[in-house]
Amino acid sequence: MKIYTRTGDDGTTGLIGGSRVKKHNIRLEAYGTIDELNSYIGLIRSMQSDLPTDKILEIIQNKLFVIGANLATDESISLIKKQLPCKKADIELLENEMDEMNASLPELRNFILPGGCQASSFCHVARTVCRRAERHIVELSENKEVDTNLIKFINRLSDYLFVLSRKLNLDKNAPEILWSPEVGD
């Protein structure tokens, strides 16, 4: 099997279902950003050693692959889109994990700057990529049908990544860097 097909040399790409769109199409921006996010989560997984966290991140990566496939499917085969849902249980998993992590974290009284240990820093990068994906998905939803649970999951995932960044810093005894508007004045 060859990896290259040459079919995209004209600046288009094929969607699941067969239609072709320009590579700058918002649908591609949406699922391409999901792919980028998935890569960052893989990087985070490689930097931390907590097995329960790793399992959750693996579940998230698999869900992101499903979300990417959902977004890459054109309207001609709606059956596939229905087979690639984002469920309420997926959202609840993230909420439950955040609640569990928050129980062991110090109360947040200030904004914090991205940083701390390396894995935590990459959580912040992934969080911002997640927010960009969310913006693209919401824009796509203005013209194409997008599962509302999918949007909720991505919204919740950025929150999860923020809380995970804090947990990873706590696990590594890395300080949280508090935002101070007076620094440098």
N, C-alpha and C. Protein backbone atom coordinates (compact mmCIF):
# COMPACT_ATOMS: atom_id res chain seq x y z
N MET A 1 0.84 -1.18 0.00
CA MET A 1 0.00 0.00 0.00
C MET A 1 0.88 1.25 0.00
N LYS A 2 0.62 2.12 -0.93
CA LYS A 2 1.36 3.37 -0.98
C LYS A 2 0.65 4.41 -0.11
N ILE A 3 1.44 5.22 0.56
CA ILE A 3 0.90 6.28 1.40
C ILE A 3 0.44 7.45 0.55
N TYR A 4 1.18 7.73 -0.50
CA TYR A 4 0.81 8.87 -1.33
C TYR A 4 -0.14 8.44 -2.45
N THR A 5 -1.07 9.32 -2.77
CA THR A 5 -2.06 9.01 -3.82
C THR A 5 -2.01 9.99 -4.98
N ARG A 6 -1.43 11.14 -4.73
CA ARG A 6 -1.33 12.23 -5.72
C ARG A 6 -2.67 12.89 -6.02
N THR A 7 -3.75 12.40 -5.42
CA THR A 7 -5.07 12.99 -5.71
C THR A 7 -5.22 14.37 -5.10
N GLY A 8 -4.40 14.70 -4.13
CA GLY A 8 -4.49 16.00 -3.49
C GLY A 8 -3.57 17.04 -4.09
N ASP A 9 -2.88 16.67 -5.14
CA ASP A 9 -1.94 17.60 -5.75
C ASP A 9 -2.62 18.83 -6.35
N ASP A 10 -3.92 18.76 -6.55
CA ASP A 10 -4.65 19.90 -7.11
C ASP A 10 -5.21 20.82 -6.02
N GLY A 11 -4.83 20.57 -4.77
CA GLY A 11 -5.29 21.43 -3.68
C GLY A 11 -6.62 21.02 -3.09
N THR A 12 -7.08 19.81 -3.42
CA THR A 12 -8.33 19.30 -2.85
C THR A 12 -8.04 18.02 -2.09
N THR A 13 -9.01 17.63 -1.30
CA THR A 13 -8.92 16.36 -0.58
C THR A 13 -10.28 15.70 -0.59
N GLY A 14 -10.29 14.39 -0.48
CA GLY A 14 -11.54 13.64 -0.49
C GLY A 14 -12.09 13.44 0.91
N LEU A 15 -13.39 13.63 1.02
CA LEU A 15 -14.08 13.35 2.28
C LEU A 15 -14.56 11.91 2.27
N ILE A 16 -14.87 11.39 3.43
CA ILE A 16 -15.50 10.07 3.51
C ILE A 16 -16.88 10.24 2.89
N GLY A 17 -17.14 9.54 1.84
CA GLY A 17 -18.36 9.70 1.07
C GLY A 17 -18.06 10.05 -0.38
N GLY A 18 -16.82 10.50 -0.63
CA GLY A 18 -16.38 10.69 -2.00
C GLY A 18 -16.32 12.11 -2.51
N SER A 19 -16.99 13.05 -1.87
CA SER A 19 -16.91 14.42 -2.39
C SER A 19 -15.52 14.99 -2.12
N ARG A 20 -15.13 15.96 -2.91
CA ARG A 20 -13.83 16.60 -2.78
C ARG A 20 -14.03 18.06 -2.42
N VAL A 21 -13.17 18.55 -1.55
CA VAL A 21 -13.23 19.95 -1.13
C VAL A 21 -11.82 20.52 -1.13
N LYS A 22 -11.73 21.84 -1.19
CA LYS A 22 -10.44 22.52 -1.11
C LYS A 22 -9.80 22.24 0.25
N LYS A 23 -8.49 22.20 0.27
CA LYS A 23 -7.78 21.89 1.51
C LYS A 23 -7.89 22.98 2.56
N HIS A 24 -8.38 24.14 2.19
CA HIS A 24 -8.57 25.20 3.18
C HIS A 24 -10.02 25.25 3.67
N ASN A 25 -10.83 24.29 3.28
CA ASN A 25 -12.23 24.21 3.69
C ASN A 25 -12.32 24.12 5.22
N ILE A 26 -13.32 24.75 5.79
CA ILE A 26 -13.47 24.77 7.25
C ILE A 26 -13.61 23.36 7.82
N ARG A 27 -14.19 22.45 7.06
CA ARG A 27 -14.30 21.06 7.53
C ARG A 27 -12.90 20.48 7.76
N LEU A 28 -11.99 20.75 6.82
CA LEU A 28 -10.62 20.25 6.97
C LEU A 28 -9.89 20.95 8.11
N GLU A 29 -10.16 22.25 8.27
CA GLU A 29 -9.58 22.97 9.41
C GLU A 29 -10.03 22.32 10.72
N ALA A 30 -11.30 21.94 10.77
CA ALA A 30 -11.85 21.34 11.99
C ALA A 30 -11.21 19.99 12.27
N TYR A 31 -11.27 19.08 11.29
CA TYR A 31 -10.74 17.75 11.62
C TYR A 31 -9.22 17.71 11.59
N GLY A 32 -8.58 18.62 10.87
CA GLY A 32 -7.12 18.72 10.93
C GLY A 32 -6.65 19.20 12.29
N THR A 33 -7.39 20.10 12.88
CA THR A 33 -7.03 20.59 14.22
C THR A 33 -7.28 19.51 15.26
N ILE A 34 -8.31 18.70 15.06
CA ILE A 34 -8.54 17.55 15.95
C ILE A 34 -7.35 16.59 15.87
N ASP A 35 -6.84 16.37 14.66
CA ASP A 35 -5.68 15.51 14.47
C ASP A 35 -4.46 16.09 15.18
N GLU A 36 -4.26 17.39 15.07
CA GLU A 36 -3.15 18.06 15.76
C GLU A 36 -3.31 17.89 17.28
N LEU A 37 -4.52 18.08 17.77
CA LEU A 37 -4.79 17.92 19.20
C LEU A 37 -4.47 16.49 19.64
N ASN A 38 -4.88 15.52 18.85
CA ASN A 38 -4.62 14.12 19.18
C ASN A 38 -3.12 13.86 19.28
N SER A 39 -2.34 14.48 18.40
CA SER A 39 -0.89 14.33 18.44
C SER A 39 -0.30 14.90 19.72
N TYR A 40 -0.79 16.06 20.14
CA TYR A 40 -0.30 16.64 21.40
C TYR A 40 -0.67 15.77 22.59
N ILE A 41 -1.85 15.19 22.56
CA ILE A 41 -2.22 14.31 23.67
C ILE A 41 -1.32 13.08 23.70
N GLY A 42 -0.94 12.58 22.53
CA GLY A 42 0.04 11.49 22.48
C GLY A 42 1.36 11.91 23.10
N LEU A 43 1.77 13.13 22.85
CA LEU A 43 3.00 13.66 23.43
C LEU A 43 2.88 13.74 24.96
N ILE A 44 1.75 14.22 25.43
CA ILE A 44 1.53 14.29 26.89
C ILE A 44 1.59 12.89 27.49
N ARG A 45 0.97 11.94 26.82
CA ARG A 45 1.00 10.55 27.33
C ARG A 45 2.43 10.06 27.46
N SER A 46 3.29 10.43 26.53
CA SER A 46 4.68 9.95 26.56
C SER A 46 5.50 10.58 27.67
N MET A 47 4.98 11.67 28.26
CA MET A 47 5.73 12.41 29.27
C MET A 47 5.27 12.15 30.69
N GLN A 48 4.21 11.42 30.88
CA GLN A 48 3.72 11.18 32.23
C GLN A 48 3.59 9.68 32.46
N SER A 49 3.61 9.27 33.72
CA SER A 49 3.66 7.84 34.01
C SER A 49 2.49 7.33 34.85
N ASP A 50 1.51 8.17 35.12
CA ASP A 50 0.36 7.73 35.91
C ASP A 50 -0.54 6.86 35.03
N LEU A 51 -0.67 5.59 35.39
CA LEU A 51 -1.42 4.66 34.54
C LEU A 51 -2.91 5.00 34.40
N PRO A 52 -3.61 5.38 35.47
CA PRO A 52 -5.01 5.76 35.28
C PRO A 52 -5.16 6.97 34.34
N THR A 53 -4.28 7.96 34.47
CA THR A 53 -4.32 9.12 33.58
C THR A 53 -4.03 8.70 32.15
N ASP A 54 -3.05 7.82 31.99
CA ASP A 54 -2.72 7.34 30.65
C ASP A 54 -3.91 6.65 30.00
N LYS A 55 -4.65 5.87 30.78
CA LYS A 55 -5.82 5.17 30.23
C LYS A 55 -6.89 6.17 29.79
N ILE A 56 -7.13 7.20 30.58
CA ILE A 56 -8.10 8.24 30.20
C ILE A 56 -7.64 8.95 28.94
N LEU A 57 -6.35 9.28 28.87
CA LEU A 57 -5.84 9.95 27.67
C LEU A 57 -5.96 9.05 26.44
N GLU A 58 -5.78 7.75 26.62
CA GLU A 58 -5.97 6.82 25.49
C GLU A 58 -7.44 6.81 25.04
N ILE A 59 -8.34 6.81 25.99
CA ILE A 59 -9.78 6.88 25.66
C ILE A 59 -10.07 8.17 24.88
N ILE A 60 -9.50 9.27 25.35
CA ILE A 60 -9.69 10.56 24.68
C ILE A 60 -9.13 10.51 23.26
N GLN A 61 -7.94 9.94 23.10
CA GLN A 61 -7.36 9.85 21.76
C GLN A 61 -8.24 9.05 20.81
N ASN A 62 -8.77 7.95 21.30
CA ASN A 62 -9.66 7.15 20.46
C ASN A 62 -10.93 7.93 20.11
N LYS A 63 -11.47 8.67 21.08
CA LYS A 63 -12.67 9.48 20.83
C LYS A 63 -12.34 10.58 19.81
N LEU A 64 -11.17 11.18 19.91
CA LEU A 64 -10.79 12.22 18.95
C LEU A 64 -10.67 11.65 17.54
N PHE A 65 -10.23 10.41 17.43
CA PHE A 65 -10.16 9.78 16.11
C PHE A 65 -11.56 9.62 15.53
N VAL A 66 -12.51 9.22 16.37
CA VAL A 66 -13.91 9.09 15.95
C VAL A 66 -14.47 10.46 15.55
N ILE A 67 -14.16 11.48 16.35
CA ILE A 67 -14.64 12.83 16.06
C ILE A 67 -14.07 13.30 14.72
N GLY A 68 -12.79 13.06 14.50
CA GLY A 68 -12.18 13.43 13.22
C GLY A 68 -12.86 12.75 12.05
N ALA A 69 -13.15 11.47 12.20
CA ALA A 69 -13.84 10.73 11.13
C ALA A 69 -15.24 11.28 10.92
N ASN A 70 -15.93 11.62 12.00
CA ASN A 70 -17.26 12.20 11.90
C ASN A 70 -17.21 13.50 11.12
N LEU A 71 -16.25 14.36 11.46
CA LEU A 71 -16.13 15.64 10.77
C LEU A 71 -15.68 15.48 9.33
N ALA A 72 -14.98 14.40 9.01
CA ALA A 72 -14.48 14.17 7.64
C ALA A 72 -15.50 13.48 6.75
N THR A 73 -16.67 13.18 7.28
CA THR A 73 -17.70 12.48 6.52
C THR A 73 -18.68 13.48 5.92
N ASP A 74 -18.86 13.39 4.61
CA ASP A 74 -19.81 14.32 3.98
C ASP A 74 -21.24 13.87 4.22
N GLU A 75 -22.17 14.70 3.82
CA GLU A 75 -23.59 14.46 4.12
C GLU A 75 -24.19 13.30 3.31
N SER A 76 -23.49 12.84 2.28
CA SER A 76 -24.05 11.80 1.42
C SER A 76 -24.19 10.45 2.12
N ILE A 77 -23.45 10.25 3.17
CA ILE A 77 -23.54 8.98 3.90
C ILE A 77 -23.77 9.25 5.38
N SER A 78 -24.95 9.73 5.66
CA SER A 78 -25.29 10.11 7.03
C SER A 78 -25.28 8.91 7.98
N LEU A 79 -25.42 7.70 7.46
CA LEU A 79 -25.38 6.52 8.32
C LEU A 79 -24.04 6.43 9.04
N ILE A 80 -22.95 6.70 8.34
CA ILE A 80 -21.64 6.65 8.99
C ILE A 80 -21.56 7.69 10.08
N LYS A 81 -22.07 8.90 9.83
CA LYS A 81 -22.04 9.94 10.85
C LYS A 81 -22.80 9.50 12.10
N LYS A 82 -23.90 8.78 11.90
CA LYS A 82 -24.68 8.29 13.05
C LYS A 82 -23.93 7.19 13.80
N GLN A 83 -23.06 6.47 13.09
CA GLN A 83 -22.29 5.40 13.72
C GLN A 83 -21.05 5.94 14.43
N LEU A 84 -20.77 7.21 14.26
CA LEU A 84 -19.60 7.83 14.87
C LEU A 84 -20.02 8.94 15.84
N PRO A 85 -20.83 8.60 16.81
CA PRO A 85 -21.36 9.66 17.67
C PRO A 85 -20.40 10.04 18.80
N CYS A 86 -20.69 11.15 19.37
CA CYS A 86 -20.09 11.56 20.62
C CYS A 86 -21.24 11.48 21.62
N LYS A 87 -21.08 10.67 22.62
CA LYS A 87 -22.19 10.40 23.54
C LYS A 87 -22.10 11.27 24.80
N LYS A 88 -23.22 11.38 25.45
CA LYS A 88 -23.29 12.11 26.72
C LYS A 88 -22.32 11.48 27.73
N ALA A 89 -22.16 10.16 27.68
CA ALA A 89 -21.25 9.47 28.59
C ALA A 89 -19.80 9.91 28.38
N ASP A 90 -19.44 10.28 27.15
CA ASP A 90 -18.08 10.76 26.87
C ASP A 90 -17.83 12.09 27.60
N ILE A 91 -18.84 12.94 27.59
CA ILE A 91 -18.75 14.23 28.27
C ILE A 91 -18.69 14.01 29.77
N GLU A 92 -19.52 13.12 30.27
CA GLU A 92 -19.55 12.82 31.71
C GLU A 92 -18.23 12.24 32.19
N LEU A 93 -17.57 11.46 31.36
CA LEU A 93 -16.26 10.91 31.72
C LEU A 93 -15.29 12.05 32.02
N LEU A 94 -15.25 13.04 31.13
CA LEU A 94 -14.35 14.17 31.34
C LEU A 94 -14.72 14.94 32.60
N GLU A 95 -16.02 15.16 32.81
CA GLU A 95 -16.46 15.89 34.00
C GLU A 95 -16.10 15.14 35.27
N ASN A 96 -16.31 13.83 35.27
CA ASN A 96 -15.97 13.02 36.45
C ASN A 96 -14.47 13.03 36.72
N GLU A 97 -13.69 12.94 35.67
CA GLU A 97 -12.23 12.98 35.84
C GLU A 97 -11.78 14.33 36.38
N MET A 98 -12.37 15.41 35.88
CA MET A 98 -12.02 16.74 36.40
C MET A 98 -12.40 16.86 37.87
N ASP A 99 -13.59 16.38 38.23
CA ASP A 99 -14.01 16.45 39.63
C ASP A 99 -13.05 15.69 40.52
N GLU A 100 -12.61 14.52 40.07
CA GLU A 100 -11.69 13.71 40.86
C GLU A 100 -10.33 14.41 41.01
N MET A 101 -9.82 14.97 39.92
CA MET A 101 -8.53 15.68 40.00
C MET A 101 -8.65 16.93 40.87
N ASN A 102 -9.72 17.67 40.70
CA ASN A 102 -9.90 18.91 41.46
C ASN A 102 -9.95 18.68 42.96
N ALA A 103 -10.42 17.50 43.36
CA ALA A 103 -10.51 17.20 44.80
C ALA A 103 -9.14 17.23 45.47
N SER A 104 -8.08 16.95 44.72
CA SER A 104 -6.74 16.92 45.31
C SER A 104 -5.91 18.18 45.00
N LEU A 105 -6.48 19.09 44.23
CA LEU A 105 -5.74 20.29 43.84
C LEU A 105 -6.03 21.45 44.80
N PRO A 106 -5.05 22.31 44.99
CA PRO A 106 -5.33 23.51 45.79
C PRO A 106 -6.35 24.39 45.07
N GLU A 107 -7.12 25.11 45.86
CA GLU A 107 -8.13 26.00 45.28
C GLU A 107 -7.47 27.01 44.37
N LEU A 108 -8.08 27.25 43.25
CA LEU A 108 -7.55 28.20 42.28
C LEU A 108 -8.08 29.59 42.62
N ARG A 109 -7.18 30.48 42.99
CA ARG A 109 -7.58 31.84 43.39
C ARG A 109 -7.03 32.90 42.45
N ASN A 110 -6.18 32.50 41.54
CA ASN A 110 -5.56 33.41 40.58
C ASN A 110 -5.55 32.74 39.20
N PHE A 111 -5.38 33.56 38.19
CA PHE A 111 -5.07 32.99 36.88
C PHE A 111 -3.66 32.43 36.97
N ILE A 112 -3.41 31.36 36.23
CA ILE A 112 -2.06 30.81 36.20
C ILE A 112 -1.53 30.89 34.78
N LEU A 113 -0.22 31.03 34.70
CA LEU A 113 0.44 31.07 33.40
C LEU A 113 0.81 29.65 32.99
N PRO A 114 0.76 29.35 31.70
CA PRO A 114 1.20 28.04 31.25
C PRO A 114 2.66 27.82 31.67
N GLY A 115 2.93 26.64 32.14
CA GLY A 115 4.30 26.32 32.55
C GLY A 115 4.32 25.23 33.58
N GLY A 116 5.41 25.19 34.31
CA GLY A 116 5.60 24.13 35.29
C GLY A 116 6.41 23.01 34.66
N CYS A 117 6.03 21.79 34.92
CA CYS A 117 6.75 20.67 34.32
C CYS A 117 6.42 20.60 32.82
N GLN A 118 7.22 19.86 32.09
CA GLN A 118 7.07 19.81 30.64
C GLN A 118 5.71 19.24 30.22
N ALA A 119 5.25 18.19 30.87
CA ALA A 119 3.95 17.59 30.51
C ALA A 119 2.82 18.59 30.74
N SER A 120 2.91 19.34 31.84
CA SER A 120 1.89 20.35 32.12
C SER A 120 1.90 21.43 31.04
N SER A 121 3.08 21.84 30.64
CA SER A 121 3.19 22.86 29.59
C SER A 121 2.55 22.39 28.30
N PHE A 122 2.76 21.13 27.97
CA PHE A 122 2.13 20.60 26.75
C PHE A 122 0.62 20.45 26.90
N CYS A 123 0.14 20.26 28.14
CA CYS A 123 -1.31 20.28 28.35
C CYS A 123 -1.87 21.65 27.97
N HIS A 124 -1.15 22.69 28.30
CA HIS A 124 -1.61 24.04 27.94
C HIS A 124 -1.59 24.24 26.42
N VAL A 125 -0.57 23.72 25.75
CA VAL A 125 -0.54 23.79 24.29
C VAL A 125 -1.74 23.04 23.73
N ALA A 126 -1.97 21.82 24.23
CA ALA A 126 -3.10 21.02 23.76
C ALA A 126 -4.43 21.73 24.05
N ARG A 127 -4.52 22.39 25.19
CA ARG A 127 -5.74 23.12 25.54
C ARG A 127 -6.02 24.22 24.53
N THR A 128 -4.99 24.94 24.12
CA THR A 128 -5.22 26.02 23.15
C THR A 128 -5.54 25.46 21.77
N VAL A 129 -4.94 24.35 21.41
CA VAL A 129 -5.28 23.69 20.14
C VAL A 129 -6.73 23.21 20.20
N CYS A 130 -7.13 22.69 21.35
CA CYS A 130 -8.51 22.24 21.54
C CYS A 130 -9.49 23.39 21.36
N ARG A 131 -9.17 24.54 21.90
CA ARG A 131 -10.04 25.71 21.75
C ARG A 131 -10.13 26.13 20.28
N ARG A 132 -9.01 26.04 19.55
CA ARG A 132 -9.04 26.36 18.13
C ARG A 132 -9.93 25.36 17.39
N ALA A 133 -9.79 24.09 17.72
CA ALA A 133 -10.65 23.06 17.11
C ALA A 133 -12.11 23.38 17.37
N GLU A 134 -12.41 23.77 18.60
CA GLU A 134 -13.78 24.10 18.96
C GLU A 134 -14.30 25.26 18.09
N ARG A 135 -13.49 26.30 17.91
CA ARG A 135 -13.91 27.43 17.08
C ARG A 135 -14.19 26.98 15.65
N HIS A 136 -13.33 26.13 15.10
CA HIS A 136 -13.54 25.64 13.74
C HIS A 136 -14.81 24.78 13.64
N ILE A 137 -15.02 23.93 14.64
CA ILE A 137 -16.20 23.06 14.63
C ILE A 137 -17.48 23.89 14.73
N VAL A 138 -17.47 24.90 15.59
CA VAL A 138 -18.64 25.77 15.72
C VAL A 138 -18.89 26.50 14.40
N GLU A 139 -17.83 26.97 13.76
CA GLU A 139 -18.00 27.63 12.46
C GLU A 139 -18.57 26.65 11.44
N LEU A 140 -18.06 25.43 11.42
CA LEU A 140 -18.59 24.41 10.51
C LEU A 140 -20.07 24.16 10.78
N SER A 141 -20.45 24.16 12.05
CA SER A 141 -21.84 23.86 12.42
C SER A 141 -22.82 24.93 11.95
N GLU A 142 -22.32 26.08 11.56
CA GLU A 142 -23.20 27.12 11.06
C GLU A 142 -23.76 26.78 9.67
N ASN A 143 -23.06 25.89 8.94
CA ASN A 143 -23.49 25.51 7.59
C ASN A 143 -23.73 24.02 7.40
N LYS A 144 -23.19 23.21 8.28
CA LYS A 144 -23.31 21.75 8.17
C LYS A 144 -23.79 21.21 9.51
N GLU A 145 -24.47 20.10 9.46
CA GLU A 145 -24.94 19.49 10.70
C GLU A 145 -23.77 18.89 11.47
N VAL A 146 -23.65 19.31 12.73
CA VAL A 146 -22.62 18.78 13.63
C VAL A 146 -23.31 18.37 14.92
N ASP A 147 -23.00 17.18 15.38
CA ASP A 147 -23.57 16.66 16.63
C ASP A 147 -23.26 17.62 17.79
N THR A 148 -24.29 18.04 18.50
CA THR A 148 -24.09 18.98 19.60
C THR A 148 -23.24 18.37 20.72
N ASN A 149 -23.33 17.06 20.92
CA ASN A 149 -22.48 16.43 21.94
C ASN A 149 -21.01 16.50 21.57
N LEU A 150 -20.73 16.49 20.27
CA LEU A 150 -19.35 16.60 19.80
C LEU A 150 -18.79 17.97 20.22
N ILE A 151 -19.56 19.02 20.02
CA ILE A 151 -19.12 20.36 20.42
C ILE A 151 -18.95 20.43 21.94
N LYS A 152 -19.88 19.86 22.68
CA LYS A 152 -19.78 19.86 24.15
C LYS A 152 -18.53 19.09 24.61
N PHE A 153 -18.25 17.96 23.96
CA PHE A 153 -17.08 17.16 24.34
C PHE A 153 -15.80 17.97 24.16
N ILE A 154 -15.67 18.63 23.02
CA ILE A 154 -14.46 19.41 22.75
C ILE A 154 -14.36 20.58 23.74
N ASN A 155 -15.47 21.20 24.05
CA ASN A 155 -15.47 22.28 25.04
C ASN A 155 -14.99 21.73 26.39
N ARG A 156 -15.52 20.61 26.80
CA ARG A 156 -15.15 20.02 28.09
C ARG A 156 -13.71 19.54 28.07
N LEU A 157 -13.24 19.06 26.93
CA LEU A 157 -11.88 18.56 26.84
C LEU A 157 -10.85 19.66 27.11
N SER A 158 -11.11 20.86 26.64
CA SER A 158 -10.16 21.94 26.93
C SER A 158 -10.11 22.21 28.44
N ASP A 159 -11.25 22.13 29.11
CA ASP A 159 -11.27 22.28 30.57
C ASP A 159 -10.49 21.15 31.24
N TYR A 160 -10.72 19.93 30.75
CA TYR A 160 -10.01 18.76 31.28
C TYR A 160 -8.49 18.95 31.17
N LEU A 161 -8.04 19.43 30.02
CA LEU A 161 -6.60 19.61 29.81
C LEU A 161 -6.03 20.66 30.76
N PHE A 162 -6.81 21.69 31.08
CA PHE A 162 -6.37 22.69 32.05
C PHE A 162 -6.21 22.04 33.43
N VAL A 163 -7.21 21.30 33.85
CA VAL A 163 -7.15 20.65 35.17
C VAL A 163 -6.02 19.63 35.19
N LEU A 164 -5.86 18.88 34.10
CA LEU A 164 -4.76 17.91 34.03
C LEU A 164 -3.41 18.61 34.15
N SER A 165 -3.27 19.78 33.55
CA SER A 165 -2.00 20.51 33.65
C SER A 165 -1.68 20.81 35.12
N ARG A 166 -2.69 21.17 35.86
CA ARG A 166 -2.50 21.46 37.28
C ARG A 166 -2.13 20.19 38.05
N LYS A 167 -2.82 19.08 37.73
CA LYS A 167 -2.53 17.82 38.41
C LYS A 167 -1.10 17.35 38.13
N LEU A 168 -0.68 17.46 36.88
CA LEU A 168 0.67 17.02 36.52
C LEU A 168 1.72 17.86 37.24
N ASN A 169 1.48 19.16 37.38
CA ASN A 169 2.41 19.99 38.15
C ASN A 169 2.44 19.56 39.61
N LEU A 170 1.27 19.28 40.16
CA LEU A 170 1.21 18.83 41.56
C LEU A 170 1.96 17.50 41.71
N ASP A 171 1.73 16.56 40.80
CA ASP A 171 2.40 15.26 40.86
C ASP A 171 3.92 15.38 40.80
N LYS A 172 4.42 16.36 40.05
CA LYS A 172 5.86 16.55 39.87
C LYS A 172 6.44 17.59 40.84
N ASN A 173 5.60 18.08 41.76
CA ASN A 173 6.02 19.14 42.69
C ASN A 173 6.55 20.37 41.94
N ALA A 174 5.99 20.62 40.78
CA ALA A 174 6.36 21.80 40.00
C ALA A 174 5.43 22.94 40.39
N PRO A 175 5.97 24.12 40.56
CA PRO A 175 5.12 25.24 40.99
C PRO A 175 4.18 25.71 39.88
N GLU A 176 3.01 26.16 40.29
CA GLU A 176 2.13 26.85 39.36
C GLU A 176 2.59 28.30 39.35
N ILE A 177 2.65 28.86 38.16
CA ILE A 177 3.11 30.23 38.01
C ILE A 177 1.89 31.13 37.98
N LEU A 178 1.73 31.91 39.03
CA LEU A 178 0.57 32.77 39.14
C LEU A 178 0.74 34.01 38.27
N TRP A 179 -0.31 34.40 37.61
CA TRP A 179 -0.30 35.61 36.79
C TRP A 179 -0.25 36.82 37.70
N SER A 180 0.64 37.73 37.36
CA SER A 180 0.74 38.98 38.12
C SER A 180 0.82 40.12 37.12
N PRO A 181 -0.19 40.98 37.10
CA PRO A 181 -0.18 42.06 36.11
C PRO A 181 0.92 43.10 36.38
N GLU A 182 1.51 43.10 37.56
CA GLU A 182 2.53 44.10 37.90
C GLU A 182 3.93 43.68 37.54
N VAL A 183 4.15 42.41 37.19
CA VAL A 183 5.50 41.94 36.89
C VAL A 183 6.03 42.70 35.69
N GLY A 184 7.23 43.22 35.82
CA GLY A 184 7.87 43.92 34.71
C GLY A 184 7.58 45.41 34.67
N ASP A 185 6.72 45.90 35.55
CA ASP A 185 6.43 47.35 35.56
C ASP A 185 7.50 48.10 36.30
